């Protein structure tokens, strides 16, 4: 089972649903159509989830970096929405 190290050091179980939801919500906040949201989840979230499941321990910062890197390549608007959400 994959464990995630949060910013303050707390260790929690990895949640694939959180990755999918985060990517989908950033696309929604960027006002992208539903078809594009689904494509982004498929092209961004699923590969990240697969790669994280190969690890035993991963930091949230590594997950974030990976997601933002892929979002920047696929949809600048969704990446910007993700960053805007983080600043709240």
PDB file of N, CA and C in Angstrom:
ATOM      1  N   UNK A   1       0.839  -1.183   0.000  1.00  0.00           N
ATOM      2  CA  UNK A   1       0.000   0.000   0.000  1.00  0.00           C
ATOM      3  C   UNK A   1       0.882   1.245   0.000  1.00  0.00           C
ATOM      4  N   UNK A   2       0.531   2.188  -0.839  1.00  0.00           N
ATOM      5  CA  UNK A   2       1.296   3.425  -0.974  1.00  0.00           C
ATOM      6  C   UNK A   2       0.896   4.385   0.142  1.00  0.00           C
ATOM      7  N   UNK A   3       1.897   5.007   0.735  1.00  0.00           N
ATOM      8  CA  UNK A   3       1.667   6.010   1.769  1.00  0.00           C
ATOM      9  C   UNK A   3       2.132   7.359   1.236  1.00  0.00           C
ATOM     10  N   UNK A   4       1.451   8.411   1.668  1.00  0.00           N
ATOM     11  CA  UNK A   4       1.768   9.772   1.233  1.00  0.00           C
ATOM     12  C   UNK A   4       2.209  10.582   2.442  1.00  0.00           C
ATOM     13  N   UNK A   5       3.325  11.291   2.277  1.00  0.00           N
ATOM     14  CA  UNK A   5       3.817  12.176   3.330  1.00  0.00           C
ATOM     15  C   UNK A   5       3.294  13.576   3.030  1.00  0.00           C
ATOM     16  N   UNK A   6       2.445  14.082   3.926  1.00  0.00           N
ATOM     17  CA  UNK A   6       1.859  15.409   3.763  1.00  0.00           C
ATOM     18  C   UNK A   6       2.896  16.485   4.099  1.00  0.00           C
ATOM     19  N   UNK A   7       2.563  17.732   3.849  1.00  0.00           N
ATOM     20  CA  UNK A   7       3.490  18.852   4.074  1.00  0.00           C
ATOM     21  C   UNK A   7       4.020  18.914   5.498  1.00  0.00           C
ATOM     22  N   UNK A   8       3.147  18.663   6.457  1.00  0.00           N
ATOM     23  CA  UNK A   8       3.557  18.771   7.860  1.00  0.00           C
ATOM     24  C   UNK A   8       4.089  17.461   8.424  1.00  0.00           C
ATOM     25  N   UNK A   9       4.281  16.461   7.557  1.00  0.00           N
ATOM     26  CA  UNK A   9       4.888  15.211   7.985  1.00  0.00           C
ATOM     27  C   UNK A   9       3.923  14.082   8.291  1.00  0.00           C
ATOM     28  N   UNK A  10       2.641  14.357   8.297  1.00  0.00           N
ATOM     29  CA  UNK A  10       1.654  13.314   8.565  1.00  0.00           C
ATOM     30  C   UNK A  10       1.662  12.318   7.406  1.00  0.00           C
ATOM     31  N   UNK A  11       1.530  11.036   7.727  1.00  0.00           N
ATOM     32  CA  UNK A  11       1.520   9.994   6.705  1.00  0.00           C
ATOM     33  C   UNK A  11       0.101   9.445   6.575  1.00  0.00           C
ATOM     34  N   UNK A  12      -0.403   9.448   5.337  1.00  0.00           N
ATOM     35  CA  UNK A  12      -1.759   8.966   5.057  1.00  0.00           C
ATOM     36  C   UNK A  12      -1.719   7.996   3.875  1.00  0.00           C
ATOM     37  N   UNK A  13      -2.807   7.257   3.695  1.00  0.00           N
ATOM     38  CA  UNK A  13      -2.911   6.335   2.566  1.00  0.00           C
ATOM     39  C   UNK A  13      -3.084   7.122   1.266  1.00  0.00           C
ATOM     40  N   UNK A  14      -2.510   6.607   0.194  1.00  0.00           N
ATOM     41  CA  UNK A  14      -2.636   7.216  -1.126  1.00  0.00           C
ATOM     42  C   UNK A  14      -4.082   7.092  -1.602  1.00  0.00           C
ATOM     43  N   UNK A  15      -4.612   8.160  -2.195  1.00  0.00           N
ATOM     44  CA  UNK A  15      -5.985   8.157  -2.704  1.00  0.00           C
ATOM     45  C   UNK A  15      -5.994   8.548  -4.179  1.00  0.00           C
ATOM     46  N   UNK A  16      -6.260   7.567  -5.034  1.00  0.00           N
ATOM     47  CA  UNK A  16      -6.344   7.832  -6.467  1.00  0.00           C
ATOM     48  C   UNK A  16      -7.509   8.770  -6.771  1.00  0.00           C
ATOM     49  N   UNK A  17      -8.574   8.658  -5.996  1.00  0.00           N
ATOM     50  CA  UNK A  17      -9.757   9.497  -6.218  1.00  0.00           C
ATOM     51  C   UNK A  17      -9.423  10.979  -6.053  1.00  0.00           C
ATOM     52  N   UNK A  18      -8.533  11.298  -5.123  1.00  0.00           N
ATOM     53  CA  UNK A  18      -8.159  12.702  -4.911  1.00  0.00           C
ATOM     54  C   UNK A  18      -7.417  13.261  -6.125  1.00  0.00           C
ATOM     55  N   UNK A  19      -6.594  12.438  -6.746  1.00  0.00           N
ATOM     56  CA  UNK A  19      -5.854  12.869  -7.940  1.00  0.00           C
ATOM     57  C   UNK A  19      -6.853  13.148  -9.071  1.00  0.00           C
ATOM     58  N   UNK A  20      -7.742  12.196  -9.310  1.00  0.00           N
ATOM     59  CA  UNK A  20      -8.741  12.358 -10.371  1.00  0.00           C
ATOM     60  C   UNK A  20      -9.608  13.585 -10.117  1.00  0.00           C
ATOM     61  N   UNK A  21     -10.069  13.731  -8.884  1.00  0.00           N
ATOM     62  CA  UNK A  21     -10.942  14.850  -8.530  1.00  0.00           C
ATOM     63  C   UNK A  21     -10.218  16.186  -8.701  1.00  0.00           C
ATOM     64  N   UNK A  22      -8.954  16.241  -8.310  1.00  0.00           N
ATOM     65  CA  UNK A  22      -8.187  17.475  -8.438  1.00  0.00           C
ATOM     66  C   UNK A  22      -8.006  17.902  -9.882  1.00  0.00           C
ATOM     67  N   UNK A  23      -7.676  16.946 -10.739  1.00  0.00           N
ATOM     68  CA  UNK A  23      -7.502  17.255 -12.164  1.00  0.00           C
ATOM     69  C   UNK A  23      -8.845  17.672 -12.769  1.00  0.00           C
ATOM     70  N   UNK A  24      -9.904  16.932 -12.458  1.00  0.00           N
ATOM     71  CA  UNK A  24     -11.230  17.255 -12.996  1.00  0.00           C
ATOM     72  C   UNK A  24     -11.701  18.628 -12.512  1.00  0.00           C
ATOM     73  N   UNK A  25     -11.475  18.929 -11.247  1.00  0.00           N
ATOM     74  CA  UNK A  25     -11.904  20.225 -10.710  1.00  0.00           C
ATOM     75  C   UNK A  25     -11.118  21.386 -11.312  1.00  0.00           C
ATOM     76  N   UNK A  26      -9.832  21.178 -11.557  1.00  0.00           N
ATOM     77  CA  UNK A  26      -9.058  22.262 -12.167  1.00  0.00           C
ATOM     78  C   UNK A  26      -9.553  22.529 -13.587  1.00  0.00           C
ATOM     79  N   UNK A  27      -9.911  21.466 -14.307  1.00  0.00           N
ATOM     80  CA  UNK A  27     -10.457  21.633 -15.657  1.00  0.00           C
ATOM     81  C   UNK A  27     -11.824  22.307 -15.605  1.00  0.00           C
ATOM     82  N   UNK A  28     -12.624  21.946 -14.606  1.00  0.00           N
ATOM     83  CA  UNK A  28     -13.948  22.560 -14.446  1.00  0.00           C
ATOM     84  C   UNK A  28     -13.804  24.046 -14.119  1.00  0.00           C
ATOM     85  N   UNK A  29     -12.886  24.377 -13.205  1.00  0.00           N
ATOM     86  CA  UNK A  29     -12.654  25.777 -12.842  1.00  0.00           C
ATOM     87  C   UNK A  29     -12.141  26.592 -14.026  1.00  0.00           C
ATOM     88  N   UNK A  30     -11.447  25.914 -14.946  1.00  0.00           N
ATOM     89  CA  UNK A  30     -10.955  26.583 -16.152  1.00  0.00           C
ATOM     90  C   UNK A  30     -12.049  26.670 -17.224  1.00  0.00           C
ATOM     91  N   UNK A  31     -13.240  26.192 -16.860  1.00  0.00           N
ATOM     92  CA  UNK A  31     -14.413  26.226 -17.744  1.00  0.00           C
ATOM     93  C   UNK A  31     -14.208  25.432 -19.036  1.00  0.00           C
ATOM     94  N   UNK A  32     -13.524  24.296 -18.914  1.00  0.00           N
ATOM     95  CA  UNK A  32     -13.322  23.414 -20.057  1.00  0.00           C
ATOM     96  C   UNK A  32     -14.529  22.493 -20.194  1.00  0.00           C
ATOM     97  N   UNK A  33     -14.869  22.085 -21.416  1.00  0.00           N
ATOM     98  CA  UNK A  33     -16.014  21.191 -21.623  1.00  0.00           C
ATOM     99  C   UNK A  33     -15.805  19.835 -20.933  1.00  0.00           C
ATOM    100  N   UNK A  34     -16.910  19.154 -20.660  1.00  0.00           N
ATOM    101  CA  UNK A  34     -16.863  17.867 -19.968  1.00  0.00           C
ATOM    102  C   UNK A  34     -15.980  16.872 -20.718  1.00  0.00           C
ATOM    103  N   UNK A  35     -16.047  16.860 -22.036  1.00  0.00           N
ATOM    104  CA  UNK A  35     -15.241  15.915 -22.815  1.00  0.00           C
ATOM    105  C   UNK A  35     -13.749  16.168 -22.608  1.00  0.00           C
ATOM    106  N   UNK A  36     -13.368  17.424 -22.497  1.00  0.00           N
ATOM    107  CA  UNK A  36     -11.962  17.771 -22.268  1.00  0.00           C
ATOM    108  C   UNK A  36     -11.558  17.383 -20.848  1.00  0.00           C
ATOM    109  N   UNK A  37     -12.453  17.586 -19.893  1.00  0.00           N
ATOM    110  CA  UNK A  37     -12.171  17.195 -18.505  1.00  0.00           C
ATOM    111  C   UNK A  37     -11.880  15.706 -18.413  1.00  0.00           C
ATOM    112  N   UNK A  38     -12.720  14.916 -19.072  1.00  0.00           N
ATOM    113  CA  UNK A  38     -12.532  13.457 -19.043  1.00  0.00           C
ATOM    114  C   UNK A  38     -11.211  13.067 -19.695  1.00  0.00           C
ATOM    115  N   UNK A  39     -10.882  13.734 -20.793  1.00  0.00           N
ATOM    116  CA  UNK A  39      -9.621  13.441 -21.482  1.00  0.00           C
ATOM    117  C   UNK A  39      -8.434  13.786 -20.589  1.00  0.00           C
ATOM    118  N   UNK A  40      -8.507  14.921 -19.887  1.00  0.00           N
ATOM    119  CA  UNK A  40      -7.415  15.313 -18.996  1.00  0.00           C
ATOM    120  C   UNK A  40      -7.241  14.313 -17.861  1.00  0.00           C
ATOM    121  N   UNK A  41      -8.346  13.850 -17.297  1.00  0.00           N
ATOM    122  CA  UNK A  41      -8.252  12.842 -16.232  1.00  0.00           C
ATOM    123  C   UNK A  41      -7.580  11.592 -16.784  1.00  0.00           C
ATOM    124  N   UNK A  42      -7.982  11.186 -17.979  1.00  0.00           N
ATOM    125  CA  UNK A  42      -7.413   9.982 -18.591  1.00  0.00           C
ATOM    126  C   UNK A  42      -5.926  10.156 -18.918  1.00  0.00           C
ATOM    127  N   UNK A  43      -5.548  11.322 -19.453  1.00  0.00           N
ATOM    128  CA  UNK A  43      -4.168  11.532 -19.895  1.00  0.00           C
ATOM    129  C   UNK A  43      -3.224  11.981 -18.783  1.00  0.00           C
ATOM    130  N   UNK A  44      -3.765  12.548 -17.705  1.00  0.00           N
ATOM    131  CA  UNK A  44      -2.918  13.078 -16.638  1.00  0.00           C
ATOM    132  C   UNK A  44      -3.022  12.245 -15.373  1.00  0.00           C
ATOM    133  N   UNK A  45      -4.227  12.117 -14.853  1.00  0.00           N
ATOM    134  CA  UNK A  45      -4.400  11.456 -13.555  1.00  0.00           C
ATOM    135  C   UNK A  45      -4.058   9.969 -13.601  1.00  0.00           C
ATOM    136  N   UNK A  46      -4.549   9.257 -14.592  1.00  0.00           N
ATOM    137  CA  UNK A  46      -4.346   7.810 -14.615  1.00  0.00           C
ATOM    138  C   UNK A  46      -2.872   7.405 -14.704  1.00  0.00           C
ATOM    139  N   UNK A  47      -2.058   8.028 -15.577  1.00  0.00           N
ATOM    140  CA  UNK A  47      -0.631   7.670 -15.585  1.00  0.00           C
ATOM    141  C   UNK A  47       0.076   8.001 -14.264  1.00  0.00           C
ATOM    142  N   UNK A  48      -0.306   9.103 -13.640  1.00  0.00           N
ATOM    143  CA  UNK A  48       0.306   9.472 -12.361  1.00  0.00           C
ATOM    144  C   UNK A  48      -0.070   8.451 -11.297  1.00  0.00           C
ATOM    145  N   UNK A  49      -1.332   8.053 -11.287  1.00  0.00           N
ATOM    146  CA  UNK A  49      -1.788   7.055 -10.318  1.00  0.00           C
ATOM    147  C   UNK A  49      -1.018   5.755 -10.502  1.00  0.00           C
ATOM    148  N   UNK A  50      -0.860   5.328 -11.751  1.00  0.00           N
ATOM    149  CA  UNK A  50      -0.104   4.091 -12.014  1.00  0.00           C
ATOM    150  C   UNK A  50       1.335   4.205 -11.521  1.00  0.00           C
ATOM    151  N   UNK A  51       1.972   5.331 -11.783  1.00  0.00           N
ATOM    152  CA  UNK A  51       3.375   5.481 -11.373  1.00  0.00           C
ATOM    153  C   UNK A  51       3.509   5.579  -9.858  1.00  0.00           C
ATOM    154  N   UNK A  52       2.557   6.206  -9.190  1.00  0.00           N
ATOM    155  CA  UNK A  52       2.628   6.327  -7.731  1.00  0.00           C
ATOM    156  C   UNK A  52       2.396   4.989  -7.049  1.00  0.00           C
ATOM    157  N   UNK A  53       1.596   4.129  -7.655  1.00  0.00           N
ATOM    158  CA  UNK A  53       1.310   2.819  -7.056  1.00  0.00           C
ATOM    159  C   UNK A  53       2.529   1.906  -7.052  1.00  0.00           C
ATOM    160  N   UNK A  54       3.549   2.254  -7.821  1.00  0.00           N
ATOM    161  CA  UNK A  54       4.782   1.463  -7.840  1.00  0.00           C
ATOM    162  C   UNK A  54       5.682   1.800  -6.661  1.00  0.00           C
ATOM    163  N   UNK A  55       5.355   2.865  -5.956  1.00  0.00           N
ATOM    164  CA  UNK A  55       6.173   3.321  -4.834  1.00  0.00           C
ATOM    165  C   UNK A  55       5.561   2.879  -3.511  1.00  0.00           C
ATOM    166  N   UNK A  56       6.375   2.957  -2.476  1.00  0.00           N
ATOM    167  CA  UNK A  56       5.861   2.666  -1.138  1.00  0.00           C
ATOM    168  C   UNK A  56       5.548   3.949  -0.391  1.00  0.00           C
ATOM    169  N   UNK A  57       6.332   4.987  -0.676  1.00  0.00           N
ATOM    170  CA  UNK A  57       6.206   6.250   0.033  1.00  0.00           C
ATOM    171  C   UNK A  57       6.436   7.393  -0.951  1.00  0.00           C
ATOM    172  N   UNK A  58       5.573   8.395  -0.921  1.00  0.00           N
ATOM    173  CA  UNK A  58       5.703   9.527  -1.840  1.00  0.00           C
ATOM    174  C   UNK A  58       5.257  10.802  -1.124  1.00  0.00           C
ATOM    175  N   UNK A  59       5.910  11.893  -1.442  1.00  0.00           N
ATOM    176  CA  UNK A  59       5.554  13.184  -0.837  1.00  0.00           C
ATOM    177  C   UNK A  59       4.479  13.866  -1.677  1.00  0.00           C
ATOM    178  N   UNK A  60       3.629  14.639  -1.007  1.00  0.00           N
ATOM    179  CA  UNK A  60       2.593  15.373  -1.740  1.00  0.00           C
ATOM    180  C   UNK A  60       3.227  16.343  -2.735  1.00  0.00           C
ATOM    181  N   UNK A  61       4.385  16.872  -2.397  1.00  0.00           N
ATOM    182  CA  UNK A  61       5.053  17.811  -3.305  1.00  0.00           C
ATOM    183  C   UNK A  61       5.450  17.130  -4.613  1.00  0.00           C
ATOM    184  N   UNK A  62       5.822  15.850  -4.551  1.00  0.00           N
ATOM    185  CA  UNK A  62       6.181  15.114  -5.765  1.00  0.00           C
ATOM    186  C   UNK A  62       4.943  14.858  -6.625  1.00  0.00           C
ATOM    187  N   UNK A  63       3.840  14.546  -5.972  1.00  0.00           N
ATOM    188  CA  UNK A  63       2.585  14.332  -6.699  1.00  0.00           C
ATOM    189  C   UNK A  63       2.164  15.636  -7.373  1.00  0.00           C
ATOM    190  N   UNK A  64       2.207  16.727  -6.622  1.00  0.00           N
ATOM    191  CA  UNK A  64       1.829  18.043  -7.140  1.00  0.00           C
ATOM    192  C   UNK A  64       2.689  18.426  -8.340  1.00  0.00           C
ATOM    193  N   UNK A  65       3.992  18.247  -8.206  1.00  0.00           N
ATOM    194  CA  UNK A  65       4.918  18.605  -9.282  1.00  0.00           C
ATOM    195  C   UNK A  65       4.602  17.811 -10.551  1.00  0.00           C
ATOM    196  N   UNK A  66       4.338  16.535 -10.392  1.00  0.00           N
ATOM    197  CA  UNK A  66       4.022  15.680 -11.526  1.00  0.00           C
ATOM    198  C   UNK A  66       2.714  16.108 -12.198  1.00  0.00           C
ATOM    199  N   UNK A  67       1.701  16.391 -11.395  1.00  0.00           N
ATOM    200  CA  UNK A  67       0.407  16.818 -11.942  1.00  0.00           C
ATOM    201  C   UNK A  67       0.548  18.143 -12.683  1.00  0.00           C
ATOM    202  N   UNK A  68       1.193  19.117 -12.058  1.00  0.00           N
ATOM    203  CA  UNK A  68       1.329  20.432 -12.699  1.00  0.00           C
ATOM    204  C   UNK A  68       2.156  20.363 -13.980  1.00  0.00           C
ATOM    205  N   UNK A  69       3.169  19.533 -13.989  1.00  0.00           N
ATOM    206  CA  UNK A  69       3.987  19.371 -15.188  1.00  0.00           C
ATOM    207  C   UNK A  69       3.133  18.866 -16.352  1.00  0.00           C
ATOM    208  N   UNK A  70       2.327  17.847 -16.080  1.00  0.00           N
ATOM    209  CA  UNK A  70       1.469  17.288 -17.128  1.00  0.00           C
ATOM    210  C   UNK A  70       0.340  18.256 -17.506  1.00  0.00           C
ATOM    211  N   UNK A  71      -0.221  18.941 -16.519  1.00  0.00           N
ATOM    212  CA  UNK A  71      -1.277  19.918 -16.815  1.00  0.00           C
ATOM    213  C   UNK A  71      -0.754  21.040 -17.702  1.00  0.00           C
ATOM    214  N   UNK A  72       0.462  21.507 -17.430  1.00  0.00           N
ATOM    215  CA  UNK A  72       1.049  22.575 -18.247  1.00  0.00           C
ATOM    216  C   UNK A  72       1.158  22.166 -19.705  1.00  0.00           C
ATOM    217  N   UNK A  73       1.474  20.904 -19.946  1.00  0.00           N
ATOM    218  CA  UNK A  73       1.617  20.422 -21.322  1.00  0.00           C
ATOM    219  C   UNK A  73       0.267  20.209 -22.000  1.00  0.00           C
ATOM    220  N   UNK A  74      -0.736  19.803 -21.236  1.00  0.00           N
ATOM    221  CA  UNK A  74      -2.037  19.468 -21.813  1.00  0.00           C
ATOM    222  C   UNK A  74      -3.006  20.652 -21.847  1.00  0.00           C
ATOM    223  N   UNK A  75      -3.007  21.458 -20.779  1.00  0.00           N
ATOM    224  CA  UNK A  75      -3.969  22.564 -20.693  1.00  0.00           C
ATOM    225  C   UNK A  75      -3.441  23.647 -19.762  1.00  0.00           C
ATOM    226  N   UNK A  76      -2.959  24.719 -20.345  1.00  0.00           N
ATOM    227  CA  UNK A  76      -2.436  25.841 -19.548  1.00  0.00           C
ATOM    228  C   UNK A  76      -3.532  26.421 -18.648  1.00  0.00           C
ATOM    229  N   UNK A  77      -4.762  26.470 -19.164  1.00  0.00           N
ATOM    230  CA  UNK A  77      -5.873  27.033 -18.386  1.00  0.00           C
ATOM    231  C   UNK A  77      -6.154  26.198 -17.144  1.00  0.00           C
ATOM    232  N   UNK A  78      -6.131  24.881 -17.276  1.00  0.00           N
ATOM    233  CA  UNK A  78      -6.369  24.004 -16.127  1.00  0.00           C
ATOM    234  C   UNK A  78      -5.225  24.115 -15.126  1.00  0.00           C
ATOM    235  N   UNK A  79      -3.998  24.233 -15.615  1.00  0.00           N
ATOM    236  CA  UNK A  79      -2.843  24.392 -14.720  1.00  0.00           C
ATOM    237  C   UNK A  79      -2.952  25.703 -13.947  1.00  0.00           C
ATOM    238  N   UNK A  80      -3.379  26.742 -14.622  1.00  0.00           N
ATOM    239  CA  UNK A  80      -3.550  28.039 -13.970  1.00  0.00           C
ATOM    240  C   UNK A  80      -4.660  27.963 -12.916  1.00  0.00           C
ATOM    241  N   UNK A  81      -5.741  27.255 -13.221  1.00  0.00           N
ATOM    242  CA  UNK A  81      -6.839  27.094 -12.260  1.00  0.00           C
ATOM    243  C   UNK A  81      -6.361  26.322 -11.034  1.00  0.00           C
ATOM    244  N   UNK A  82      -5.503  25.306 -11.241  1.00  0.00           N
ATOM    245  CA  UNK A  82      -4.941  24.531 -10.127  1.00  0.00           C
ATOM    246  C   UNK A  82      -4.139  25.454  -9.205  1.00  0.00           C
ATOM    247  N   UNK A  83      -3.282  26.271  -9.802  1.00  0.00           N
ATOM    248  CA  UNK A  83      -2.448  27.182  -9.003  1.00  0.00           C
ATOM    249  C   UNK A  83      -3.305  28.216  -8.265  1.00  0.00           C
ATOM    250  N   UNK A  84      -4.333  28.702  -8.936  1.00  0.00           N
ATOM    251  CA  UNK A  84      -5.229  29.677  -8.312  1.00  0.00           C
ATOM    252  C   UNK A  84      -5.914  29.049  -7.100  1.00  0.00           C
ATOM    253  N   UNK A  85      -6.331  27.809  -7.221  1.00  0.00           N
ATOM    254  CA  UNK A  85      -6.967  27.102  -6.102  1.00  0.00           C
ATOM    255  C   UNK A  85      -5.993  26.959  -4.930  1.00  0.00           C
ATOM    256  N   UNK A  86      -4.737  26.671  -5.220  1.00  0.00           N
ATOM    257  CA  UNK A  86      -3.727  26.502  -4.162  1.00  0.00           C
ATOM    258  C   UNK A  86      -3.493  27.789  -3.383  1.00  0.00           C
ATOM    259  N   UNK A  87      -3.657  28.928  -4.037  1.00  0.00           N
ATOM    260  CA  UNK A  87      -3.400  30.217  -3.381  1.00  0.00           C
ATOM    261  C   UNK A  87      -4.536  30.648  -2.457  1.00  0.00           C
ATOM    262  N   UNK A  88      -5.681  29.981  -2.516  1.00  0.00           N
ATOM    263  CA  UNK A  88      -6.822  30.360  -1.664  1.00  0.00           C
ATOM    264  C   UNK A  88      -6.508  30.189  -0.214  1.00  0.00           C
TER     265      UNK A  88
END
